Amino acid sequence: MLYYLAAVPSGDANLTQICRAVDIHLSKGHAILGTLRSAGLVVRSQAKTYALGPGVLTLSRSVLDRTGLATTADPYLAELAGLTGATALLGLITADQVFIVARREPPATVGVTIRVGHRYPLTWGAHGKAIVASLSPERRAEVLAHGPLLFYGDGAKHAADTDALEAELEETRRRGFAVDIGGMQAGVSAVSVPLLNARGGPAAVLILVGTFSADLLPERGRSTVRTAKEMTARLAPFLEDDS
């Protein structure tokens, strides 16, 4: 239910919509939502729609504070944002999604604001290309076969030209970073580099996003690669899991 409410475009939904989405009976859904409301994880409007409550922020902040990940990453993000004049983000990879756990906007300039806690699909834009390009051949083939593929927004480009996507993923592996030039949002560019765990798989992703022009992408990409290497060494204890 919480994941559904976090993903629904309007930000809220009624009981019927929620129960249909998670495939449970209305009575059970009503009881669960009541429990979530009592914990502050969900709030209900006068129109009887439900949305995420402030308790979610408390839990999220507790996790980040406990791991120390955001605090450890912050100096690297601040340096990258100051160097490039763009917004630097760190996303953790969890199953088929990327959670933004830390960010730094550039000082004294116009930045692109993306909030901590925002979730993206695994295959979204530049970070999606960076992640998938770093997967093992077997895992990469599995992701590409089952999708959804959102490297270019709606996946239309992939559907029309699989060879072009494969070529871009290969180029991403070669140069070490992925790019998006206004593909996800007009006027906004992004570069992204995966942070690998000890087994060589992507555990997190460094994203640089801003209004920089296409001719600056190589330089921005190299800066992001350097920062990602430094962060990987420093964040290694946070990039491992129990699997």
Protein backbone atom coordinates (compact mmCIF):
# COMPACT_ATOMS: atom_id res chain seq x y z
CA MET A 1 0.00 0.00 0.00
CA LEU A 2 2.77 2.43 0.88
CA TYR A 3 4.62 1.71 -2.34
CA TYR A 4 1.44 2.19 -4.33
CA LEU A 5 0.70 5.55 -2.71
CA ALA A 6 4.29 6.63 -3.34
CA ALA A 7 3.99 5.79 -7.03
CA VAL A 8 0.48 7.02 -7.86
CA PRO A 9 0.81 10.21 -9.96
CA SER A 10 -1.86 12.18 -8.09
CA GLY A 11 -0.26 11.43 -4.72
CA ASP A 12 -3.44 10.01 -3.25
CA ALA A 13 -6.05 7.33 -3.92
CA ASN A 14 -9.32 6.09 -2.46
CA LEU A 15 -9.87 2.79 -0.68
CA THR A 16 -11.18 0.99 -3.75
CA GLN A 17 -8.25 2.05 -5.90
CA ILE A 18 -5.73 1.00 -3.26
CA CYS A 19 -7.30 -2.39 -2.61
CA ARG A 20 -7.59 -3.10 -6.31
CA ALA A 21 -3.93 -2.20 -6.84
CA VAL A 22 -2.65 -4.51 -4.09
CA ASP A 23 -5.32 -7.17 -4.65
CA ILE A 24 -6.96 -7.36 -1.21
CA HIS A 25 -10.56 -7.10 0.00
CA LEU A 26 -11.96 -3.71 0.99
CA SER A 27 -12.51 -4.70 4.61
CA LYS A 28 -8.93 -5.88 5.02
CA GLY A 29 -7.61 -2.81 3.23
CA HIS A 30 -9.65 -0.52 5.47
CA ALA A 31 -8.24 -2.18 8.58
CA ILE A 32 -4.65 -1.95 7.36
CA LEU A 33 -5.05 1.69 6.38
CA GLY A 34 -6.42 2.40 9.84
CA THR A 35 -3.29 0.94 11.39
CA LEU A 36 -1.07 2.93 9.03
CA ARG A 37 -3.00 6.11 9.89
CA SER A 38 -2.51 5.54 13.61
CA ALA A 39 1.25 5.35 13.00
CA GLY A 40 1.27 8.50 10.90
CA LEU A 41 2.39 6.61 7.82
CA VAL A 42 -0.84 7.45 5.97
CA VAL A 43 -3.24 10.39 6.17
CA ARG A 44 -6.86 10.60 4.96
CA SER A 45 -8.43 13.66 3.41
CA GLN A 46 -11.97 14.94 3.81
CA ALA A 47 -12.64 13.43 0.38
CA LYS A 48 -11.72 10.05 1.90
CA THR A 49 -8.58 9.61 -0.19
CA TYR A 50 -5.34 8.38 1.33
CA ALA A 51 -1.80 9.72 0.93
CA LEU A 52 1.57 9.08 2.54
CA GLY A 53 1.91 10.67 5.97
CA PRO A 54 4.79 12.37 7.78
CA GLY A 55 5.70 9.16 9.56
CA VAL A 56 7.28 7.93 6.34
CA LEU A 57 9.80 10.77 6.52
CA THR A 58 10.68 9.79 10.08
CA LEU A 59 11.39 6.22 9.03
CA SER A 60 13.38 7.28 5.98
CA ARG A 61 15.52 9.69 7.96
CA SER A 62 16.09 7.07 10.64
CA VAL A 63 17.40 4.58 8.08
CA LEU A 64 19.71 7.13 6.46
CA ASP A 65 21.01 8.39 9.79
CA ARG A 66 21.60 4.87 11.07
CA THR A 67 23.60 3.75 8.07
CA GLY A 68 25.57 6.98 7.84
CA LEU A 69 25.41 6.70 4.07
CA ALA A 70 24.07 10.18 3.38
CA THR A 71 26.52 11.81 5.77
CA THR A 72 29.47 9.96 4.27
CA ALA A 73 28.43 10.73 0.70
CA ASP A 74 27.71 14.42 1.30
CA PRO A 75 31.25 15.86 0.90
CA TYR A 76 31.69 14.07 -2.43
CA LEU A 77 28.34 15.28 -3.72
CA ALA A 78 29.07 18.83 -2.54
CA GLU A 79 32.44 18.86 -4.32
CA LEU A 80 30.97 17.51 -7.56
CA ALA A 81 28.06 19.98 -7.48
CA GLY A 82 30.42 22.89 -6.86
CA LEU A 83 32.82 21.81 -9.59
CA THR A 84 30.17 21.31 -12.28
CA GLY A 85 27.41 23.76 -11.33
CA ALA A 86 24.91 20.89 -11.46
CA THR A 87 22.90 18.85 -8.94
CA ALA A 88 24.67 15.73 -7.65
CA LEU A 89 22.55 12.81 -6.46
CA LEU A 90 23.25 9.42 -4.92
CA GLY A 91 20.71 6.66 -5.57
CA LEU A 92 20.57 3.26 -3.89
CA ILE A 93 19.50 0.32 -6.04
CA THR A 94 16.78 -1.78 -4.43
CA ALA A 95 15.18 -4.54 -6.51
CA ASP A 96 13.75 -2.78 -9.58
CA GLN A 97 13.98 0.78 -8.28
CA VAL A 98 16.50 3.49 -7.45
CA PHE A 99 15.97 5.53 -4.26
CA ILE A 100 17.56 8.95 -3.99
CA VAL A 101 19.24 8.94 -0.57
CA ALA A 102 21.45 12.05 -0.76
CA ARG A 103 21.78 15.17 -2.89
CA ARG A 104 23.69 18.42 -3.20
CA GLU A 105 22.64 21.35 -5.34
CA PRO A 106 25.23 23.75 -6.77
CA PRO A 107 25.94 26.93 -4.81
CA ALA A 108 24.95 30.31 -6.23
CA THR A 109 23.49 28.96 -9.45
CA VAL A 110 20.30 27.46 -10.84
CA GLY A 111 20.06 23.74 -10.09
CA VAL A 112 17.62 20.95 -10.82
CA THR A 113 15.76 20.00 -7.64
CA ILE A 114 15.08 16.33 -6.98
CA ARG A 115 14.10 15.47 -3.43
CA VAL A 116 15.68 12.86 -1.19
CA GLY A 117 13.35 9.87 -1.05
CA HIS A 118 12.29 10.16 -4.69
CA ARG A 119 12.07 6.81 -6.46
CA TYR A 120 12.89 6.04 -10.06
CA PRO A 121 12.40 2.86 -12.09
CA LEU A 122 15.63 0.90 -12.47
CA THR A 123 15.83 1.50 -16.22
CA TRP A 124 15.01 5.23 -16.16
CA GLY A 125 17.12 7.61 -18.26
CA ALA A 126 20.86 8.00 -17.80
CA HIS A 127 21.05 6.12 -14.51
CA GLY A 128 19.13 3.22 -16.06
CA LYS A 129 21.64 2.96 -18.89
CA ALA A 130 24.55 3.19 -16.44
CA ILE A 131 23.14 0.43 -14.24
CA VAL A 132 22.14 -1.98 -17.01
CA ALA A 133 25.43 -1.48 -18.85
CA SER A 134 27.30 -2.56 -15.69
CA LEU A 135 25.29 -5.76 -15.15
CA SER A 136 26.60 -9.20 -16.00
CA PRO A 137 25.61 -10.35 -19.51
CA GLU A 138 23.08 -12.78 -18.05
CA ARG A 139 21.43 -10.24 -15.77
CA ARG A 140 21.49 -7.58 -18.48
CA ALA A 141 19.72 -9.91 -20.91
CA GLU A 142 17.09 -10.66 -18.26
CA VAL A 143 16.37 -6.97 -17.62
CA LEU A 144 16.20 -6.15 -21.32
CA ALA A 145 13.89 -9.09 -21.98
CA HIS A 146 11.39 -8.36 -19.24
CA GLY A 147 11.49 -4.56 -18.89
CA PRO A 148 9.85 -2.18 -18.52
CA LEU A 149 12.50 -0.28 -20.50
CA LEU A 150 12.40 3.43 -19.74
CA PHE A 151 15.83 4.56 -20.90
CA TYR A 152 14.16 7.05 -23.22
CA GLY A 153 10.99 7.68 -21.26
CA ASP A 154 8.31 5.48 -22.74
CA GLY A 155 10.66 2.89 -24.24
CA ALA A 156 9.55 3.65 -27.79
CA LYS A 157 13.10 4.09 -29.04
CA HIS A 158 14.13 0.72 -27.68
CA ALA A 159 11.14 -0.96 -29.24
CA ALA A 160 11.97 0.59 -32.59
CA ASP A 161 15.73 0.05 -32.56
CA THR A 162 17.18 -2.61 -30.28
CA ASP A 163 20.55 -2.38 -32.02
CA ALA A 164 20.81 1.33 -31.18
CA LEU A 165 20.16 0.63 -27.51
CA GLU A 166 22.75 -2.16 -27.43
CA ALA A 167 25.25 0.17 -29.09
CA GLU A 168 24.60 2.89 -26.50
CA LEU A 169 24.99 0.43 -23.62
CA GLU A 170 28.28 -0.74 -25.11
CA GLU A 171 29.46 2.86 -25.45
CA THR A 172 28.45 3.45 -21.83
CA ARG A 173 30.59 0.51 -20.71
CA ARG A 174 33.53 1.76 -22.76
CA ARG A 175 33.61 5.34 -21.49
CA GLY A 176 32.38 4.59 -17.96
CA PHE A 177 29.34 6.86 -17.84
CA ALA A 178 25.86 7.12 -19.36
CA VAL A 179 24.26 10.26 -20.74
CA ASP A 180 20.84 11.70 -21.40
CA ILE A 181 20.46 14.92 -23.38
CA GLY A 182 16.96 16.29 -22.86
CA GLY A 183 15.41 12.89 -23.39
CA MET A 184 13.64 12.65 -20.05
CA GLN A 185 12.95 16.37 -19.64
CA ALA A 186 13.44 19.10 -22.22
CA GLY A 187 16.43 21.29 -21.47
CA VAL A 188 17.81 18.98 -18.78
CA SER A 189 20.91 16.82 -19.27
CA ALA A 190 22.26 14.05 -17.06
CA VAL A 191 25.30 11.84 -16.70
CA SER A 192 25.45 8.82 -14.45
CA VAL A 193 28.01 6.32 -13.13
CA PRO A 194 27.33 3.12 -11.16
CA LEU A 195 28.98 2.39 -7.83
CA LEU A 196 29.92 -1.30 -7.76
CA ASN A 197 30.04 -3.60 -4.76
CA ALA A 198 32.77 -6.14 -4.03
CA ARG A 199 31.12 -8.68 -6.35
CA GLY A 200 31.25 -6.25 -9.25
CA GLY A 201 27.54 -5.58 -9.39
CA PRO A 202 25.91 -2.12 -9.23
CA ALA A 203 24.78 -1.23 -5.70
CA ALA A 204 24.26 2.50 -6.10
CA VAL A 205 24.45 5.14 -8.78
CA LEU A 206 25.88 8.65 -8.92
CA ILE A 207 23.80 11.06 -11.00
CA LEU A 208 24.70 14.55 -12.17
CA VAL A 209 21.78 16.51 -13.57
CA GLY A 210 21.55 20.08 -14.80
CA THR A 211 21.00 22.42 -17.71
CA PHE A 212 24.51 22.00 -19.13
CA SER A 213 24.85 21.74 -22.91
CA ALA A 214 25.72 18.61 -24.88
CA ASP A 215 29.28 19.79 -25.57
CA LEU A 216 29.98 19.73 -21.81
CA LEU A 217 28.87 16.10 -21.39
CA PRO A 218 32.35 14.56 -21.84
CA GLU A 219 33.87 16.82 -19.17
CA ARG A 220 30.90 16.36 -16.85
CA GLY A 221 31.10 12.62 -17.40
CA ARG A 222 34.81 12.45 -16.53
CA SER A 223 34.22 14.48 -13.37
CA THR A 224 31.41 12.16 -12.33
CA VAL A 225 33.55 9.07 -13.01
CA ARG A 226 36.34 10.43 -10.79
CA THR A 227 33.92 11.21 -7.98
CA ALA A 228 32.26 7.79 -8.30
CA LYS A 229 35.62 6.04 -7.93
CA GLU A 230 36.39 8.02 -4.78
CA MET A 231 32.93 7.37 -3.37
CA THR A 232 33.09 3.65 -4.11
CA ALA A 233 36.23 3.28 -2.03
CA ARG A 234 34.80 5.32 0.85
CA LEU A 235 31.27 3.89 0.77
CA ALA A 236 32.26 0.25 0.32
CA PRO A 237 30.83 -0.86 3.72
CA PHE A 238 27.43 0.62 2.78
CA LEU A 239 27.31 -0.95 -0.67
CA GLU A 240 27.20 -4.55 0.49
CA ASP A 241 24.09 -6.55 1.34
CA ASP A 242 23.41 -9.96 2.83
CA SER A 243 22.63 -11.68 -0.46
